[in-house]
Amino acid sequence: MYNIKLTDYVPEPKPVTSKYVVAAHYYAAWKKGSAGLHNAFDDLHEYPERTPLMGYYDEENPEVADWEIKWAIEHGINCFIHCWYRRRENMGKPVTVDSLRCAHALHDAFFHSKYQQLMNFAIMYEAQERWGGTDEKDLVENLLPFWMENYFKRENYLVIDNKPVLFVYDTQDQIANAFATPADQKRAFDAAREYCKKCGFDGLYIGIAYIDSESKNIDKAIADYKARGYDFNFAYCWFLNGTECDTDEKVIKKQYEIQKKRVDFDPSFFNTTASCFWDPEPRLTSMKGVIDYGPNKWYLSPEGYRGVLRDCKKLAESMPKDSIGRKLIMIDNWNEWDEGHFVAPSHKYGFKFLQAIREELTERDNLPDYRTPQEIGLSDFNKSWGEPDLSEICKKKFGLK
């Protein structure tokens, strides 16, 4: 039955109902040559179990976006949080699509997809040393006009309490260091909120990634984030000790302890993240000298992931009704194929992680469609990656001649 064309396009999605905003982080680096720092799918040839269920794909293709939208919303993920990269040389200048890194998944694929209105989206501003930070003038004069016209004003941008939600990843203090004091940064953020009000919103929610999994300095960190004008903190993923977290039970317990500590410290300033696993082995070589990943890795089975999701839901329900954390549960991660944390359908796990999300965070009032593109003759979206030579890969991996 494979490669028999049964329909002309991606079948219409059947969304499932959830009372939560279930938002998955989305790393758009799967267009040939777009990542820059690593080799994307070319790093996965020796890891066939990580192959996406749709196979390697040209991420700039709107049909790919429609398959992802379909699979996500049929299982409860109703928002993608796109990593948003600005090239360093663009700092202090008007922003254009050409000045961005990995903008294709939004601007070429998602914004031209047939089913885009069924899925919300948001951006996470990546401010690292290799990418551009900002200051008050640049934020208001360059970043915000671009974000407003290209993202915030779209009907399906993530808006809560009539406020667009902006996620910020500033773990290297690229933004913080641009301001003399936390009060200066807060003033800039308040100016951004006023800008949004002038555009018809009631303000702007700004969240900050807080990656200290042990939360040893939680009092100082949260006080600083609040002083800088952030509304909440979140995690991109949980960095656990793989030696200590070597069973489902230990992983579930550790993720709960980390998050419970933050909720107990300030329930109105935190939202939960459910991490599936972490194994960046394919990047240890391709990104050596760029990011020090180290050998640490940990795994959680799809069944164990249900326990993490239940805990996230329980913690969310314990938060104040008017807090972000009561409404938003975050998923780590949709498609970090080579960094090693993904819930999108794969050859190793199929739809199992997505099924866990659907069964734990939704009303289960739909019937997901598990036909793959190959099964209905719609898999012609790999024009650039080619097919890896599996015979040579197997020989190398298993020492065969």
Protein backbone atom coordinates (compact mmCIF):
# COMPACT_ATOMS: atom_id res chain seq x y z
CA MET A 1 0.00 0.00 0.00
CA TYR A 2 3.03 2.27 0.32
CA ASN A 3 3.43 5.14 -2.18
CA ILE A 4 -0.13 4.77 -3.46
CA LYS A 5 -1.54 8.27 -3.68
CA LEU A 6 -4.82 8.23 -1.75
CA THR A 7 -5.30 11.98 -1.38
CA ASP A 8 -3.96 15.16 -2.91
CA TYR A 9 -2.80 16.78 0.31
CA VAL A 10 -2.26 16.36 4.03
CA PRO A 11 -5.59 15.10 5.46
CA GLU A 12 -7.53 17.68 7.42
CA PRO A 13 -6.52 17.69 11.10
CA LYS A 14 -9.03 16.80 13.80
CA PRO A 15 -8.01 18.89 16.86
CA VAL A 16 -8.46 17.54 20.35
CA THR A 17 -9.82 19.73 23.16
CA SER A 18 -7.61 20.87 26.03
CA LYS A 19 -8.16 23.51 28.66
CA TYR A 20 -4.45 24.26 28.63
CA VAL A 21 -2.16 26.04 26.27
CA VAL A 22 0.16 23.10 25.56
CA ALA A 23 3.20 24.70 23.92
CA ALA A 24 6.11 22.73 22.48
CA HIS A 25 9.51 24.29 21.93
CA TYR A 26 10.39 24.17 18.23
CA TYR A 27 13.95 24.26 16.90
CA ALA A 28 13.90 25.15 13.20
CA ALA A 29 17.27 24.01 11.85
CA TRP A 30 16.29 21.27 9.40
CA LYS A 31 16.57 23.14 6.15
CA LYS A 32 19.75 22.09 4.35
CA GLY A 33 22.58 24.46 5.32
CA SER A 34 20.49 26.60 7.68
CA ALA A 35 21.83 25.50 11.06
CA GLY A 36 25.37 26.73 10.57
CA LEU A 37 26.59 25.34 13.88
CA HIS A 38 25.94 21.67 13.11
CA ASN A 39 25.03 19.42 10.19
CA ALA A 40 21.37 18.81 11.06
CA PHE A 41 20.07 15.58 9.47
CA ASP A 42 23.54 14.79 8.14
CA ASP A 43 24.55 14.25 11.79
CA LEU A 44 21.93 11.51 12.15
CA HIS A 45 23.10 8.96 9.58
CA GLU A 46 24.55 6.75 12.29
CA TYR A 47 21.44 7.20 14.44
CA PRO A 48 18.63 5.81 12.24
CA GLU A 49 16.37 5.37 15.26
CA ARG A 50 16.16 9.18 15.45
CA THR A 51 14.91 9.53 11.90
CA PRO A 52 11.63 11.46 11.82
CA LEU A 53 8.69 9.21 10.95
CA MET A 54 8.15 11.31 7.83
CA GLY A 55 11.82 10.79 6.93
CA TYR A 56 14.31 13.59 6.34
CA TYR A 57 12.45 16.66 5.16
CA ASP A 58 12.89 20.13 3.69
CA GLU A 59 11.68 22.24 6.58
CA GLU A 60 10.93 25.23 4.37
CA ASN A 61 8.14 23.25 2.65
CA PRO A 62 4.61 24.27 3.81
CA GLU A 63 3.44 20.66 3.41
CA VAL A 64 5.92 19.64 6.12
CA ALA A 65 4.44 22.31 8.39
CA ASP A 66 0.95 20.94 7.75
CA TRP A 67 1.97 17.41 8.72
CA GLU A 68 3.50 18.77 11.94
CA ILE A 69 0.41 20.86 12.68
CA LYS A 70 -1.81 17.84 12.10
CA TRP A 71 0.16 15.53 14.38
CA ALA A 72 0.56 18.16 17.08
CA ILE A 73 -3.02 19.39 17.40
CA GLU A 74 -4.49 15.90 17.16
CA HIS A 75 -2.51 15.09 20.32
CA GLY A 76 -3.01 18.25 22.36
CA ILE A 77 -0.04 20.41 21.40
CA ASN A 78 -1.75 23.61 20.31
CA CYS A 79 1.22 26.00 20.15
CA PHE A 80 4.75 25.88 18.75
CA ILE A 81 7.34 28.15 20.39
CA HIS A 82 9.84 28.87 17.63
CA CYS A 83 13.43 29.61 18.58
CA TRP A 84 14.01 33.08 17.12
CA TYR A 85 17.56 34.04 16.17
CA ARG A 86 18.81 37.42 15.12
CA ARG A 87 22.22 37.61 13.54
CA ARG A 88 24.75 39.52 15.58
CA GLU A 89 25.50 42.06 12.85
CA ASN A 90 21.85 43.13 12.88
CA MET A 91 22.03 44.58 16.40
CA GLY A 92 20.93 48.21 16.40
CA LYS A 93 19.46 47.97 12.89
CA PRO A 94 15.95 47.45 11.51
CA VAL A 95 15.11 43.75 11.45
CA THR A 96 14.37 41.94 8.19
CA VAL A 97 13.68 38.28 7.49
CA ASP A 98 17.07 38.09 5.77
CA SER A 99 18.78 39.19 8.99
CA LEU A 100 17.44 36.16 10.89
CA ARG A 101 18.82 32.66 11.39
CA CYS A 102 16.52 29.69 10.72
CA ALA A 103 13.49 31.86 9.93
CA HIS A 104 12.35 29.57 7.13
CA ALA A 105 10.13 27.33 9.27
CA LEU A 106 7.96 30.32 10.17
CA HIS A 107 8.19 32.61 7.16
CA ASP A 108 8.44 30.05 4.35
CA ALA A 109 6.60 27.04 5.74
CA PHE A 110 4.22 27.80 8.60
CA PHE A 111 2.96 31.14 7.26
CA HIS A 112 2.13 29.45 3.93
CA SER A 113 0.65 26.25 5.34
CA LYS A 114 -2.97 25.35 4.74
CA TYR A 115 -3.77 24.57 8.37
CA GLN A 116 -1.83 27.34 10.11
CA GLN A 117 -4.92 28.89 11.71
CA LEU A 118 -5.50 25.70 13.68
CA MET A 119 -2.19 26.12 15.51
CA ASN A 120 -0.97 28.96 17.70
CA PHE A 121 2.66 30.00 17.66
CA ALA A 122 5.03 32.15 19.69
CA ILE A 123 8.70 33.09 19.52
CA MET A 124 11.53 32.58 21.97
CA TYR A 125 14.12 35.32 21.50
CA GLU A 126 17.52 33.60 21.57
CA ALA A 127 20.04 36.07 22.95
CA GLN A 128 23.37 34.27 23.17
CA GLU A 129 26.91 35.44 22.60
CA ARG A 130 26.90 34.26 18.97
CA TRP A 131 23.54 35.98 18.32
CA GLY A 132 22.34 39.52 18.84
CA GLY A 133 21.21 41.02 22.11
CA THR A 134 19.36 44.30 22.46
CA ASP A 135 19.08 47.52 24.45
CA GLU A 136 16.19 49.88 25.14
CA LYS A 137 16.48 51.86 21.91
CA ASP A 138 16.95 48.81 19.74
CA LEU A 139 14.15 46.90 21.47
CA VAL A 140 11.54 49.59 20.89
CA GLU A 141 12.73 50.88 17.51
CA ASN A 142 13.82 47.68 15.77
CA LEU A 143 12.69 44.47 17.43
CA LEU A 144 9.17 45.38 18.49
CA PRO A 145 8.01 46.83 15.15
CA PHE A 146 9.17 43.65 13.41
CA TRP A 147 7.62 41.35 16.01
CA MET A 148 4.38 43.31 16.00
CA GLU A 149 3.87 43.32 12.25
CA ASN A 150 5.15 39.82 11.55
CA TYR A 151 3.99 37.93 14.64
CA PHE A 152 1.96 39.61 17.39
CA LYS A 153 -0.78 40.90 15.07
CA ARG A 154 -1.39 37.50 13.53
CA GLU A 155 -4.62 35.90 14.69
CA ASN A 156 -2.84 32.75 15.84
CA TYR A 157 0.02 34.31 17.80
CA LEU A 158 -0.09 33.17 21.44
CA VAL A 159 -1.99 35.84 23.36
CA ILE A 160 -3.06 35.40 26.99
CA ASP A 161 -5.18 38.03 28.78
CA ASN A 162 -4.96 40.09 25.57
CA LYS A 163 -1.18 40.20 25.92
CA PRO A 164 1.22 38.60 23.43
CA VAL A 165 3.57 36.15 25.14
CA LEU A 166 7.28 36.60 24.43
CA PHE A 167 9.75 33.97 25.62
CA VAL A 168 13.38 34.98 26.16
CA TYR A 169 16.48 32.78 26.33
CA ASP A 170 19.24 34.88 27.90
CA THR A 171 21.28 32.31 29.78
CA GLN A 172 24.55 34.08 28.89
CA ASP A 173 23.19 37.48 29.98
CA GLN A 174 23.51 38.93 26.51
CA ILE A 175 20.48 41.16 27.16
CA ALA A 176 21.06 41.70 30.86
CA ASN A 177 24.60 42.98 30.28
CA ALA A 178 23.31 45.61 27.84
CA PHE A 179 21.66 47.45 30.75
CA ALA A 180 23.53 49.20 33.53
CA THR A 181 21.03 48.09 36.17
CA PRO A 182 18.01 45.76 36.43
CA ALA A 183 15.84 48.88 36.73
CA ASP A 184 17.08 50.05 33.32
CA GLN A 185 16.05 46.73 31.78
CA LYS A 186 12.65 46.91 33.45
CA ARG A 187 12.15 50.38 32.04
CA ALA A 188 12.86 49.02 28.56
CA PHE A 189 10.42 46.15 29.07
CA ASP A 190 7.78 48.56 30.35
CA ALA A 191 8.30 50.64 27.21
CA ALA A 192 7.73 47.46 25.19
CA ARG A 193 4.48 46.89 27.05
CA GLU A 194 3.37 50.44 26.31
CA TYR A 195 4.20 49.88 22.64
CA CYS A 196 1.93 46.83 22.66
CA LYS A 197 -0.86 48.81 24.31
CA LYS A 198 -0.66 51.41 21.56
CA CYS A 199 -1.16 48.55 19.10
CA GLY A 200 -4.38 47.41 20.75
CA PHE A 201 -3.15 44.90 23.33
CA ASP A 202 -3.31 45.17 27.12
CA GLY A 203 0.43 44.80 27.47
CA LEU A 204 3.05 42.11 26.92
CA TYR A 205 3.93 38.99 28.91
CA ILE A 206 7.69 38.34 28.97
CA GLY A 207 9.09 35.05 30.27
CA ILE A 208 12.72 34.15 30.94
CA ALA A 209 14.39 30.74 30.67
CA TYR A 210 15.88 29.72 34.02
CA ILE A 211 18.11 26.68 33.41
CA ASP A 212 19.49 25.97 36.91
CA SER A 213 17.96 22.53 37.44
CA GLU A 214 19.02 22.45 41.09
CA SER A 215 17.65 25.96 41.77
CA LYS A 216 20.39 26.51 44.36
CA ASN A 217 20.18 30.29 44.05
CA ILE A 218 16.48 30.50 43.39
CA ASP A 219 15.89 33.45 45.72
CA LYS A 220 18.53 35.61 44.04
CA ALA A 221 17.58 34.51 40.53
CA ILE A 222 13.86 35.18 40.88
CA ALA A 223 14.45 38.51 42.60
CA ASP A 224 16.72 39.57 39.75
CA TYR A 225 14.26 38.43 37.06
CA LYS A 226 11.44 40.35 38.70
CA ALA A 227 13.59 43.45 39.07
CA ARG A 228 14.36 43.24 35.34
CA GLY A 229 10.67 43.19 34.45
CA TYR A 230 10.04 39.54 33.61
CA ASP A 231 6.56 38.13 34.29
CA PHE A 232 7.42 34.44 34.65
CA ASN A 233 10.21 31.90 34.26
CA PHE A 234 10.26 28.63 32.35
CA ALA A 235 12.62 25.88 31.21
CA TYR A 236 13.68 24.93 27.70
CA CYS A 237 14.64 21.51 29.02
CA TRP A 238 15.73 19.93 32.30
CA PHE A 239 19.44 19.13 32.59
CA LEU A 240 19.45 16.07 34.82
CA ASN A 241 22.35 13.95 36.00
CA GLY A 242 22.15 10.82 33.90
CA THR A 243 24.03 8.76 36.46
CA GLU A 244 21.58 9.69 39.20
CA CYS A 245 18.50 9.61 36.95
CA ASP A 246 18.85 6.18 35.36
CA THR A 247 15.26 4.93 35.77
CA ASP A 248 11.82 6.29 34.95
CA GLU A 249 11.02 6.60 38.63
CA LYS A 250 14.11 8.69 39.35
CA VAL A 251 13.55 10.96 36.35
CA ILE A 252 9.90 11.56 37.27
CA LYS A 253 10.82 12.28 40.87
CA LYS A 254 13.64 14.65 39.94
CA GLN A 255 11.55 16.69 37.49
CA TYR A 256 8.81 16.98 40.10
CA GLU A 257 11.24 18.08 42.83
CA ILE A 258 12.80 20.75 40.61
CA GLN A 259 9.46 22.21 39.63
CA LYS A 260 7.82 21.88 43.03
CA LYS A 261 10.65 23.90 44.53
CA ARG A 262 9.98 26.75 42.11
CA VAL A 263 6.22 26.59 42.59
CA ASP A 264 6.64 26.63 46.37
CA PHE A 265 9.00 29.60 46.14
CA ASP A 266 6.67 31.69 43.98
CA PRO A 267 3.61 30.00 42.41
CA SER A 268 2.73 33.07 40.36
CA PHE A 269 6.12 33.30 38.64
CA PHE A 270 6.61 29.87 37.14
CA ASN A 271 5.16 27.53 34.56
CA THR A 272 5.88 23.85 34.13
CA THR A 273 7.85 22.03 31.43
CA ALA A 274 7.65 18.30 30.72
CA SER A 275 11.00 16.98 29.43
CA CYS A 276 11.12 13.64 27.61
CA PHE A 277 14.84 12.73 27.54
CA TRP A 278 18.26 14.23 26.76
CA ASP A 279 21.01 12.68 24.65
CA PRO A 280 23.11 15.05 22.47
CA GLU A 281 25.55 12.39 21.28
CA PRO A 282 25.25 13.28 17.55
CA ARG A 283 26.37 16.81 18.36
CA LEU A 284 29.37 15.91 20.46
CA THR A 285 31.51 15.90 17.31
CA SER A 286 29.76 18.36 14.99
CA MET A 287 29.60 21.09 17.62
CA LYS A 288 32.82 20.41 19.51
CA GLY A 289 34.36 23.73 20.48
CA VAL A 290 31.07 25.56 19.91
CA ILE A 291 28.99 24.18 22.76
CA ASP A 292 30.37 21.90 25.47
CA TYR A 293 27.63 19.30 25.66
CA GLY A 294 29.59 16.75 27.66
CA PRO A 295 28.70 13.05 27.71
CA ASN A 296 25.71 13.34 30.07
CA LYS A 297 22.43 11.80 28.91
CA TRP A 298 19.22 10.46 30.41
CA TYR A 299 16.13 8.77 29.07
CA LEU A 300 12.47 8.55 29.99
CA SER A 301 10.15 6.02 28.40
CA PRO A 302 6.88 7.23 26.83
CA GLU A 303 5.03 5.49 29.66
CA GLY A 304 7.22 7.24 32.22
CA TYR A 305 6.56 10.53 30.44
CA ARG A 306 2.93 10.20 31.49
CA GLY A 307 4.05 10.54 35.09
CA VAL A 308 5.87 13.79 34.31
CA LEU A 309 2.81 15.13 32.48
CA ARG A 310 0.54 14.27 35.41
CA ASP A 311 2.88 16.07 37.79
CA CYS A 312 2.99 19.15 35.53
CA LYS A 313 -0.81 19.20 35.43
CA LYS A 314 -1.01 18.82 39.20
CA LEU A 315 1.45 21.66 39.75
CA ALA A 316 -0.35 23.87 37.23
CA GLU A 317 -3.64 23.33 39.04
CA SER A 318 -2.00 24.44 42.30
CA MET A 319 -1.02 27.85 40.91
CA PRO A 320 -3.09 31.06 41.21
CA LYS A 321 -5.95 31.25 38.71
CA ASP A 322 -4.63 34.46 37.16
CA SER A 323 -1.07 33.15 36.70
CA ILE A 324 0.57 32.09 33.44
CA GLY A 325 1.48 28.76 35.00
CA ARG A 326 -2.18 27.84 35.56
CA LYS A 327 -2.89 28.17 31.83
CA LEU A 328 0.33 27.12 30.11
CA ILE A 329 2.16 23.78 30.15
CA MET A 330 5.31 23.55 28.05
CA ILE A 331 6.66 20.52 26.18
CA ASP A 332 10.36 19.81 25.73
CA ASN A 333 10.79 19.45 22.76
CA TRP A 334 9.09 18.98 19.40
CA ASN A 335 12.10 18.43 17.13
CA GLU A 336 15.57 18.57 18.69
CA TRP A 337 16.54 15.51 16.67
CA ASP A 338 20.31 15.64 17.10
CA GLU A 339 20.46 17.38 20.48
CA GLY A 340 18.37 14.46 21.64
CA HIS A 341 14.98 15.52 23.02
CA PHE A 342 11.90 15.27 20.81
CA VAL A 343 8.26 14.19 21.00
CA ALA A 344 7.52 14.46 17.25
CA PRO A 345 6.89 11.09 15.58
CA SER A 346 10.14 9.16 15.11
CA HIS A 347 11.23 5.71 14.02
CA LYS A 348 12.20 4.80 17.58
CA TYR A 349 9.11 5.99 19.42
CA GLY A 350 6.44 6.39 16.76
CA PHE A 351 3.59 8.47 18.21
CA LYS A 352 4.03 7.21 21.78
CA PHE A 353 5.12 10.50 23.37
CA LEU A 354 2.33 12.35 21.56
CA GLN A 355 -0.17 9.75 22.70
CA ALA A 356 0.92 10.33 26.29
CA ILE A 357 0.33 14.08 25.90
CA ARG A 358 -3.11 13.53 24.38
CA GLU A 359 -4.20 11.10 27.08
CA GLU A 360 -2.93 13.17 30.02
CA LEU A 361 -3.61 16.79 28.98
CA THR A 362 -6.73 16.67 26.79
CA GLU A 363 -10.38 15.63 26.73
CA ARG A 364 -9.54 12.84 24.23
CA ASP A 365 -12.55 13.84 22.16
CA ASN A 366 -11.07 13.17 18.72
CA LEU A 367 -9.70 10.26 16.75
CA PRO A 368 -6.08 10.87 15.62
CA ASP A 369 -5.05 9.85 12.13
CA TYR A 370 -1.95 7.66 12.26
CA ARG A 371 -1.39 7.27 8.54
CA THR A 372 2.09 8.41 7.57
CA PRO A 373 2.88 10.45 4.45
CA GLN A 374 4.50 7.37 2.92
CA GLU A 375 1.37 5.29 3.40
CA ILE A 376 -0.82 7.65 1.40
CA GLY A 377 1.72 8.65 -1.23
CA LEU A 378 2.52 12.16 0.04
CA SER A 379 6.14 11.92 1.09
CA ASP A 380 7.77 13.88 -1.71
CA PHE A 381 9.26 16.62 0.49
CA ASN A 382 12.92 15.62 0.69
CA LYS A 383 14.56 17.44 -2.20
CA SER A 384 17.87 18.35 -0.58
CA TRP A 385 18.95 15.76 2.00
CA GLY A 386 19.02 12.63 -0.12
CA GLU A 387 19.03 9.18 1.43
CA PRO A 388 21.90 7.99 3.66
CA ASP A 389 23.81 4.89 2.58
CA LEU A 390 22.55 2.54 5.30
CA SER A 391 24.83 -0.28 4.24
CA GLU A 392 27.94 1.83 4.86
CA ILE A 393 26.48 3.17 8.09
CA CYS A 394 25.78 -0.33 9.40
CA LYS A 395 29.27 -1.49 8.45
CA LYS A 396 30.82 1.37 10.38
CA LYS A 397 28.51 1.12 13.37
CA PHE A 398 28.73 -2.64 13.83
CA GLY A 399 32.26 -3.24 12.58
CA LEU A 400 31.15 -5.19 9.51
CA LYS A 401 33.20 -5.66 6.34
